[in-house]
């Protein structure tokens, strides 16, 4: 069940952000990545171990650094880091014994992260396609309103 909820929630969040134009600014998906990465730090607080808190904070800091790199450079880094966070969810328990993590969290978070990464990648690919079309003098695709494109 947690896998289905993760996929549906990521589709709803990314779809709503696109539809409403909330993702027009470059900061949207890097901020999402930073928020996703911070949950394990919150769970470490529940665990109560300073060592676990520091470990989770270092992992979070790595994802925050990639979010900043993606924000300042190419948003593809953010999509890749979101997918990497999903992969990390599968093996996290092998490296960090964070007892504050709910039992369903790894499956939920992995499915959310991978789905969100796919959505970000698809939106970036559409944006790239639209930019190529307009650079060649072709009008933007009618199904992709110009107002929903990210600003550079």
N, C-alpha and C. Protein backbone atom coordinates (compact mmCIF):
# COMPACT_ATOMS: atom_id res chain seq x y z
N UNK A 1 0.82 -1.20 0.00
CA UNK A 1 0.00 0.00 0.00
C UNK A 1 0.87 1.26 0.00
N UNK A 2 2.00 1.22 0.76
CA UNK A 2 2.84 2.42 0.83
C UNK A 2 3.44 2.78 -0.52
N UNK A 3 3.66 1.77 -1.37
CA UNK A 3 4.21 2.03 -2.71
C UNK A 3 3.19 2.78 -3.57
N UNK A 4 1.96 2.33 -3.53
CA UNK A 4 0.90 2.97 -4.30
C UNK A 4 0.67 4.41 -3.83
N UNK A 5 0.64 4.60 -2.54
CA UNK A 5 0.45 5.95 -2.00
C UNK A 5 1.60 6.86 -2.41
N UNK A 6 2.83 6.36 -2.37
CA UNK A 6 3.98 7.16 -2.78
C UNK A 6 3.90 7.58 -4.24
N UNK A 7 3.55 6.65 -5.11
CA UNK A 7 3.44 6.96 -6.54
C UNK A 7 2.33 7.97 -6.79
N UNK A 8 1.16 7.73 -6.23
CA UNK A 8 0.02 8.62 -6.46
C UNK A 8 0.30 10.01 -5.90
N UNK A 9 0.87 10.07 -4.71
CA UNK A 9 1.15 11.38 -4.11
C UNK A 9 2.17 12.17 -4.93
N UNK A 10 3.20 11.51 -5.42
CA UNK A 10 4.20 12.20 -6.25
C UNK A 10 3.57 12.70 -7.55
N UNK A 11 2.71 11.89 -8.16
CA UNK A 11 2.03 12.32 -9.38
C UNK A 11 1.12 13.51 -9.11
N UNK A 12 0.42 13.49 -7.99
CA UNK A 12 -0.48 14.60 -7.65
C UNK A 12 0.32 15.87 -7.37
N UNK A 13 1.38 15.76 -6.57
CA UNK A 13 2.18 16.95 -6.23
C UNK A 13 2.84 17.54 -7.48
N UNK A 14 3.52 16.70 -8.25
CA UNK A 14 4.21 17.20 -9.44
C UNK A 14 3.22 17.68 -10.50
N UNK A 15 2.13 16.94 -10.68
CA UNK A 15 1.11 17.34 -11.65
C UNK A 15 0.44 18.63 -11.27
N UNK A 16 0.09 18.79 -9.99
CA UNK A 16 -0.55 20.02 -9.54
C UNK A 16 0.41 21.20 -9.66
N UNK A 17 1.67 20.99 -9.31
CA UNK A 17 2.66 22.07 -9.42
C UNK A 17 2.81 22.51 -10.87
N UNK A 18 2.83 21.55 -11.78
CA UNK A 18 2.93 21.89 -13.21
C UNK A 18 1.66 22.59 -13.68
N UNK A 19 0.51 22.01 -13.38
CA UNK A 19 -0.77 22.54 -13.85
C UNK A 19 -1.01 23.96 -13.34
N UNK A 20 -0.69 24.20 -12.07
CA UNK A 20 -0.91 25.51 -11.48
C UNK A 20 0.20 26.51 -11.80
N UNK A 21 1.28 26.02 -12.38
CA UNK A 21 2.39 26.90 -12.71
C UNK A 21 3.32 27.17 -11.54
N UNK A 22 3.17 26.41 -10.46
CA UNK A 22 4.02 26.62 -9.28
C UNK A 22 5.47 26.24 -9.54
N UNK A 23 5.71 25.40 -10.53
CA UNK A 23 7.08 24.95 -10.80
C UNK A 23 7.77 25.82 -11.85
N UNK A 24 7.19 26.97 -12.15
CA UNK A 24 7.82 27.86 -13.13
C UNK A 24 9.17 28.38 -12.64
N UNK A 25 9.29 28.53 -11.37
CA UNK A 25 10.55 29.02 -10.79
C UNK A 25 11.49 27.84 -10.58
N UNK A 26 12.75 28.05 -10.82
CA UNK A 26 13.77 27.00 -10.72
C UNK A 26 13.89 26.43 -9.31
N UNK A 27 13.44 27.17 -8.33
CA UNK A 27 13.63 26.77 -6.94
C UNK A 27 12.68 25.66 -6.50
N UNK A 28 11.61 25.40 -7.23
CA UNK A 28 10.58 24.48 -6.76
C UNK A 28 11.11 23.07 -6.51
N UNK A 29 11.69 22.45 -7.51
CA UNK A 29 12.13 21.06 -7.36
C UNK A 29 13.38 20.92 -6.48
N UNK A 30 14.34 21.86 -6.51
CA UNK A 30 15.42 21.77 -5.52
C UNK A 30 14.90 21.85 -4.08
N UNK A 31 13.89 22.68 -3.84
CA UNK A 31 13.31 22.77 -2.50
C UNK A 31 12.63 21.45 -2.13
N UNK A 32 11.95 20.83 -3.10
CA UNK A 32 11.33 19.54 -2.85
C UNK A 32 12.39 18.51 -2.45
N UNK A 33 13.51 18.51 -3.15
CA UNK A 33 14.59 17.58 -2.83
C UNK A 33 15.11 17.80 -1.41
N UNK A 34 15.30 19.06 -1.04
CA UNK A 34 15.79 19.34 0.32
C UNK A 34 14.78 18.89 1.37
N UNK A 35 13.50 19.09 1.10
CA UNK A 35 12.48 18.65 2.05
C UNK A 35 12.47 17.13 2.18
N UNK A 36 12.53 16.44 1.06
CA UNK A 36 12.54 14.97 1.08
C UNK A 36 13.75 14.46 1.86
N UNK A 37 14.90 15.07 1.65
CA UNK A 37 16.12 14.63 2.32
C UNK A 37 16.09 14.88 3.82
N UNK A 38 15.30 15.84 4.26
CA UNK A 38 15.29 16.21 5.68
C UNK A 38 14.47 15.27 6.56
N UNK A 39 13.62 14.45 5.99
CA UNK A 39 12.77 13.59 6.82
C UNK A 39 13.56 12.62 7.68
N UNK A 40 14.65 12.06 7.16
CA UNK A 40 15.42 11.14 7.97
C UNK A 40 16.06 11.83 9.17
N UNK A 41 16.34 13.13 9.04
CA UNK A 41 16.86 13.89 10.18
C UNK A 41 15.76 14.01 11.23
N UNK A 42 14.53 14.25 10.80
CA UNK A 42 13.41 14.30 11.74
C UNK A 42 13.23 12.96 12.44
N UNK A 43 13.36 11.87 11.70
CA UNK A 43 13.23 10.54 12.30
C UNK A 43 14.38 10.27 13.26
N UNK A 44 15.56 10.82 12.99
CA UNK A 44 16.69 10.66 13.90
C UNK A 44 16.41 11.37 15.22
N UNK A 45 15.65 12.46 15.17
CA UNK A 45 15.26 13.15 16.39
C UNK A 45 14.37 12.25 17.24
N UNK A 46 13.48 11.51 16.58
CA UNK A 46 12.63 10.55 17.28
C UNK A 46 13.49 9.44 17.89
N UNK A 47 14.50 8.99 17.14
CA UNK A 47 15.40 7.94 17.62
C UNK A 47 16.12 8.38 18.89
N UNK A 48 16.53 9.65 18.94
CA UNK A 48 17.15 10.18 20.15
C UNK A 48 18.66 10.03 20.23
N UNK A 49 19.28 9.36 19.29
CA UNK A 49 20.73 9.16 19.31
C UNK A 49 21.42 10.31 18.60
N UNK A 50 22.40 10.91 19.28
CA UNK A 50 23.15 12.01 18.67
C UNK A 50 23.96 11.49 17.48
N UNK A 51 24.51 10.30 17.60
CA UNK A 51 25.29 9.71 16.50
C UNK A 51 24.41 9.52 15.26
N UNK A 52 23.21 9.02 15.43
CA UNK A 52 22.29 8.83 14.30
C UNK A 52 21.88 10.19 13.74
N UNK A 53 21.65 11.15 14.61
CA UNK A 53 21.28 12.50 14.16
C UNK A 53 22.39 13.10 13.31
N UNK A 54 23.64 12.96 13.74
CA UNK A 54 24.76 13.49 12.96
C UNK A 54 24.91 12.76 11.63
N UNK A 55 24.76 11.44 11.65
CA UNK A 55 24.85 10.66 10.41
C UNK A 55 23.78 11.08 9.41
N UNK A 56 22.55 11.17 9.88
CA UNK A 56 21.45 11.56 9.01
C UNK A 56 21.62 13.01 8.52
N UNK A 57 22.17 13.87 9.36
CA UNK A 57 22.41 15.26 8.96
C UNK A 57 23.46 15.33 7.86
N UNK A 58 24.48 14.51 7.92
CA UNK A 58 25.50 14.48 6.86
C UNK A 58 24.92 13.99 5.54
N UNK A 59 24.09 12.96 5.61
CA UNK A 59 23.44 12.46 4.40
C UNK A 59 22.54 13.54 3.81
N UNK A 60 21.76 14.19 4.67
CA UNK A 60 20.88 15.27 4.23
C UNK A 60 21.69 16.40 3.60
N UNK A 61 22.81 16.75 4.21
CA UNK A 61 23.65 17.83 3.69
C UNK A 61 24.15 17.52 2.28
N UNK A 62 24.44 16.26 2.01
CA UNK A 62 24.88 15.88 0.66
C UNK A 62 23.78 16.13 -0.36
N UNK A 63 22.55 15.78 -0.02
CA UNK A 63 21.44 16.01 -0.94
C UNK A 63 21.12 17.50 -1.06
N UNK A 64 21.26 18.25 0.02
CA UNK A 64 21.06 19.70 -0.04
C UNK A 64 22.11 20.32 -0.95
N UNK A 65 23.35 19.85 -0.87
CA UNK A 65 24.42 20.37 -1.73
C UNK A 65 24.09 20.12 -3.21
N UNK A 66 23.58 18.94 -3.52
CA UNK A 66 23.22 18.65 -4.91
C UNK A 66 22.03 19.51 -5.33
N UNK A 67 21.10 19.77 -4.42
CA UNK A 67 19.97 20.64 -4.73
C UNK A 67 20.46 22.05 -5.09
N UNK A 68 21.45 22.53 -4.35
CA UNK A 68 22.01 23.85 -4.64
C UNK A 68 22.74 23.84 -5.98
N UNK A 69 23.51 22.80 -6.23
CA UNK A 69 24.22 22.67 -7.51
C UNK A 69 23.21 22.65 -8.67
N UNK A 70 22.14 21.89 -8.50
CA UNK A 70 21.11 21.83 -9.53
C UNK A 70 20.40 23.15 -9.72
N UNK A 71 20.13 23.83 -8.63
CA UNK A 71 19.47 25.14 -8.71
C UNK A 71 20.35 26.15 -9.42
N UNK A 72 21.63 26.16 -9.10
CA UNK A 72 22.56 27.12 -9.69
C UNK A 72 22.98 26.72 -11.11
N UNK A 73 22.91 25.42 -11.42
CA UNK A 73 23.35 24.95 -12.73
C UNK A 73 22.23 24.31 -13.51
N UNK A 74 22.27 23.00 -13.58
CA UNK A 74 21.28 22.26 -14.37
C UNK A 74 20.33 21.51 -13.44
N UNK A 75 19.04 21.66 -13.71
CA UNK A 75 18.03 20.99 -12.88
C UNK A 75 18.06 19.47 -13.04
N UNK A 76 18.78 18.98 -14.05
CA UNK A 76 18.91 17.53 -14.21
C UNK A 76 19.60 16.93 -12.99
N UNK A 77 20.47 17.68 -12.31
CA UNK A 77 21.10 17.20 -11.08
C UNK A 77 20.04 16.91 -10.02
N UNK A 78 19.02 17.73 -9.97
CA UNK A 78 17.95 17.55 -8.99
C UNK A 78 17.17 16.28 -9.29
N UNK A 79 16.85 16.06 -10.56
CA UNK A 79 16.14 14.83 -10.95
C UNK A 79 16.98 13.60 -10.60
N UNK A 80 18.28 13.67 -10.89
CA UNK A 80 19.16 12.54 -10.59
C UNK A 80 19.28 12.31 -9.08
N UNK A 81 19.37 13.39 -8.32
CA UNK A 81 19.48 13.25 -6.87
C UNK A 81 18.19 12.72 -6.26
N UNK A 82 17.06 13.11 -6.82
CA UNK A 82 15.79 12.59 -6.33
C UNK A 82 15.72 11.08 -6.56
N UNK A 83 16.16 10.64 -7.73
CA UNK A 83 16.20 9.19 -8.01
C UNK A 83 17.21 8.50 -7.09
N UNK A 84 18.35 9.14 -6.85
CA UNK A 84 19.36 8.57 -5.96
C UNK A 84 18.83 8.46 -4.53
N UNK A 85 18.02 9.43 -4.12
CA UNK A 85 17.43 9.35 -2.78
C UNK A 85 16.47 8.17 -2.70
N UNK A 86 15.75 7.95 -3.78
CA UNK A 86 14.86 6.78 -3.81
C UNK A 86 15.64 5.49 -3.71
N UNK A 87 16.77 5.40 -4.41
CA UNK A 87 17.62 4.22 -4.32
C UNK A 87 18.20 4.08 -2.91
N UNK A 88 18.55 5.20 -2.30
CA UNK A 88 19.09 5.16 -0.94
C UNK A 88 18.06 4.61 0.04
N UNK A 89 16.79 4.90 -0.20
CA UNK A 89 15.75 4.39 0.68
C UNK A 89 15.77 2.86 0.77
N UNK A 90 16.16 2.23 -0.32
CA UNK A 90 16.20 0.77 -0.33
C UNK A 90 17.29 0.20 0.56
N UNK A 91 18.41 0.91 0.71
CA UNK A 91 19.55 0.38 1.44
C UNK A 91 19.86 1.16 2.72
N UNK A 92 19.12 2.21 2.99
CA UNK A 92 19.39 3.06 4.14
C UNK A 92 19.51 2.26 5.43
N UNK A 93 18.60 1.33 5.64
CA UNK A 93 18.59 0.56 6.89
C UNK A 93 19.84 -0.32 7.06
N UNK A 94 20.55 -0.61 5.99
CA UNK A 94 21.77 -1.41 6.07
C UNK A 94 22.94 -0.60 6.62
N UNK A 95 22.87 0.73 6.52
CA UNK A 95 23.99 1.58 6.93
C UNK A 95 23.70 2.43 8.16
N UNK A 96 22.42 2.75 8.38
CA UNK A 96 22.05 3.60 9.50
C UNK A 96 20.92 2.92 10.26
N UNK A 97 21.15 2.69 11.56
CA UNK A 97 20.15 2.02 12.40
C UNK A 97 19.28 3.07 13.09
N UNK A 98 18.46 3.74 12.29
CA UNK A 98 17.59 4.80 12.78
C UNK A 98 16.25 4.19 13.17
N UNK A 99 16.05 3.97 14.46
CA UNK A 99 14.81 3.33 14.92
C UNK A 99 13.61 4.27 14.86
N UNK A 100 13.83 5.55 14.58
CA UNK A 100 12.72 6.48 14.46
C UNK A 100 12.00 6.40 13.13
N UNK A 101 12.57 5.68 12.15
CA UNK A 101 11.96 5.58 10.82
C UNK A 101 10.75 4.64 10.90
N UNK A 102 9.57 5.11 10.49
CA UNK A 102 8.39 4.24 10.48
C UNK A 102 8.60 3.05 9.53
N UNK A 103 7.97 1.96 9.82
CA UNK A 103 8.14 0.72 9.05
C UNK A 103 7.80 0.89 7.57
N UNK A 104 6.79 1.68 7.26
CA UNK A 104 6.36 1.84 5.87
C UNK A 104 7.13 2.94 5.13
N UNK A 105 7.95 3.69 5.84
CA UNK A 105 8.60 4.85 5.24
C UNK A 105 9.51 4.51 4.05
N UNK A 106 10.42 3.54 4.17
CA UNK A 106 11.32 3.29 3.04
C UNK A 106 10.59 2.99 1.74
N UNK A 107 9.55 2.18 1.78
CA UNK A 107 8.78 1.87 0.57
C UNK A 107 8.03 3.07 0.03
N UNK A 108 7.41 3.83 0.94
CA UNK A 108 6.68 5.03 0.53
C UNK A 108 7.64 6.05 -0.08
N UNK A 109 8.72 6.33 0.64
CA UNK A 109 9.66 7.36 0.20
C UNK A 109 10.33 6.96 -1.11
N UNK A 110 10.70 5.70 -1.24
CA UNK A 110 11.34 5.23 -2.47
C UNK A 110 10.40 5.41 -3.66
N UNK A 111 9.15 5.01 -3.51
CA UNK A 111 8.22 5.13 -4.63
C UNK A 111 7.90 6.60 -4.93
N UNK A 112 7.80 7.43 -3.90
CA UNK A 112 7.59 8.86 -4.11
C UNK A 112 8.78 9.47 -4.86
N UNK A 113 9.98 9.19 -4.36
CA UNK A 113 11.19 9.79 -4.93
C UNK A 113 11.41 9.39 -6.39
N UNK A 114 11.25 8.12 -6.69
CA UNK A 114 11.47 7.64 -8.05
C UNK A 114 10.42 8.23 -9.00
N UNK A 115 9.17 8.28 -8.55
CA UNK A 115 8.11 8.86 -9.37
C UNK A 115 8.33 10.36 -9.57
N UNK A 116 8.70 11.06 -8.50
CA UNK A 116 8.97 12.50 -8.63
C UNK A 116 10.16 12.74 -9.56
N UNK A 117 11.19 11.91 -9.46
CA UNK A 117 12.36 12.05 -10.34
C UNK A 117 11.94 11.87 -11.80
N UNK A 118 11.08 10.90 -12.05
CA UNK A 118 10.60 10.67 -13.42
C UNK A 118 9.78 11.86 -13.91
N UNK A 119 8.95 12.42 -13.04
CA UNK A 119 8.15 13.60 -13.41
C UNK A 119 9.06 14.80 -13.70
N UNK A 120 10.03 15.03 -12.85
CA UNK A 120 10.96 16.15 -13.06
C UNK A 120 11.70 15.97 -14.38
N UNK A 121 12.18 14.76 -14.62
CA UNK A 121 12.88 14.48 -15.88
C UNK A 121 11.99 14.70 -17.08
N UNK A 122 10.75 14.24 -17.01
CA UNK A 122 9.82 14.43 -18.12
C UNK A 122 9.54 15.91 -18.37
N UNK A 123 9.34 16.67 -17.30
CA UNK A 123 9.09 18.10 -17.45
C UNK A 123 10.31 18.83 -18.00
N UNK A 124 11.50 18.42 -17.57
CA UNK A 124 12.72 19.02 -18.12
C UNK A 124 12.88 18.69 -19.60
N UNK A 125 12.55 17.46 -19.97
CA UNK A 125 12.63 17.07 -21.38
C UNK A 125 11.64 17.86 -22.22
N UNK A 126 10.42 18.07 -21.72
CA UNK A 126 9.43 18.88 -22.43
C UNK A 126 9.91 20.31 -22.57
N UNK A 127 10.49 20.83 -21.52
CA UNK A 127 11.00 22.19 -21.57
C UNK A 127 12.10 22.31 -22.62
N UNK A 128 12.99 21.35 -22.64
CA UNK A 128 14.09 21.35 -23.61
C UNK A 128 13.53 21.29 -25.03
N UNK A 129 12.54 20.44 -25.24
CA UNK A 129 11.91 20.31 -26.56
C UNK A 129 11.28 21.63 -26.98
N UNK A 130 10.56 22.27 -26.07
CA UNK A 130 9.93 23.55 -26.38
C UNK A 130 10.96 24.62 -26.71
N UNK A 131 12.08 24.62 -26.00
CA UNK A 131 13.13 25.60 -26.27
C UNK A 131 13.75 25.36 -27.64
N UNK A 132 13.94 24.09 -28.01
CA UNK A 132 14.50 23.78 -29.32
C UNK A 132 13.54 24.24 -30.41
N UNK A 133 12.24 24.03 -30.21
CA UNK A 133 11.27 24.43 -31.20
C UNK A 133 11.27 25.95 -31.37
N UNK A 134 11.27 26.68 -30.27
CA UNK A 134 11.22 28.14 -30.38
C UNK A 134 12.54 28.68 -30.92
N UNK A 135 13.66 28.03 -30.65
CA UNK A 135 14.95 28.46 -31.19
C UNK A 135 14.99 28.28 -32.70
N UNK A 136 14.27 27.29 -33.22
CA UNK A 136 14.24 27.04 -34.65
C UNK A 136 13.17 27.85 -35.36
N UNK A 137 12.51 28.75 -34.66
CA UNK A 137 11.50 29.59 -35.27
C UNK A 137 10.12 28.94 -35.31
N UNK A 138 9.98 27.78 -34.70
CA UNK A 138 8.70 27.10 -34.67
C UNK A 138 7.95 27.54 -33.41
N UNK A 139 6.68 27.73 -33.55
CA UNK A 139 5.85 28.14 -32.42
C UNK A 139 5.83 27.02 -31.39
N UNK A 140 5.77 27.41 -30.12
CA UNK A 140 5.72 26.42 -29.04
C UNK A 140 4.54 25.48 -29.23
N UNK A 141 4.70 24.27 -28.74
CA UNK A 141 3.64 23.27 -28.86
C UNK A 141 2.36 23.81 -28.22
N UNK A 142 1.21 23.69 -28.89
CA UNK A 142 -0.03 24.25 -28.36
C UNK A 142 -0.49 23.58 -27.07
N UNK A 143 -0.09 22.35 -26.81
CA UNK A 143 -0.49 21.65 -25.60
C UNK A 143 0.34 22.06 -24.40
N UNK A 144 1.40 22.82 -24.62
CA UNK A 144 2.31 23.22 -23.54
C UNK A 144 2.31 24.74 -23.44
N UNK A 145 1.41 25.32 -22.64
CA UNK A 145 1.34 26.78 -22.55
C UNK A 145 2.68 27.38 -22.14
N UNK A 146 3.06 28.45 -22.80
CA UNK A 146 4.35 29.10 -22.53
C UNK A 146 4.43 29.59 -21.09
N UNK A 147 3.32 29.94 -20.50
CA UNK A 147 3.35 30.47 -19.13
C UNK A 147 3.78 29.43 -18.12
N UNK A 148 3.74 28.15 -18.48
CA UNK A 148 4.10 27.10 -17.54
C UNK A 148 5.56 26.67 -17.67
N UNK A 149 6.32 27.32 -18.54
CA UNK A 149 7.73 26.98 -18.68
C UNK A 149 8.53 27.60 -17.54
N UNK A 150 9.58 26.91 -17.16
CA UNK A 150 10.47 27.46 -16.15
C UNK A 150 11.17 28.68 -16.69
N UNK A 151 11.40 29.64 -15.84
CA UNK A 151 12.20 30.80 -16.22
C UNK A 151 13.65 30.44 -16.00
N UNK A 152 14.51 30.95 -16.78
CA UNK A 152 15.94 30.65 -16.64
C UNK A 152 16.63 31.73 -15.90
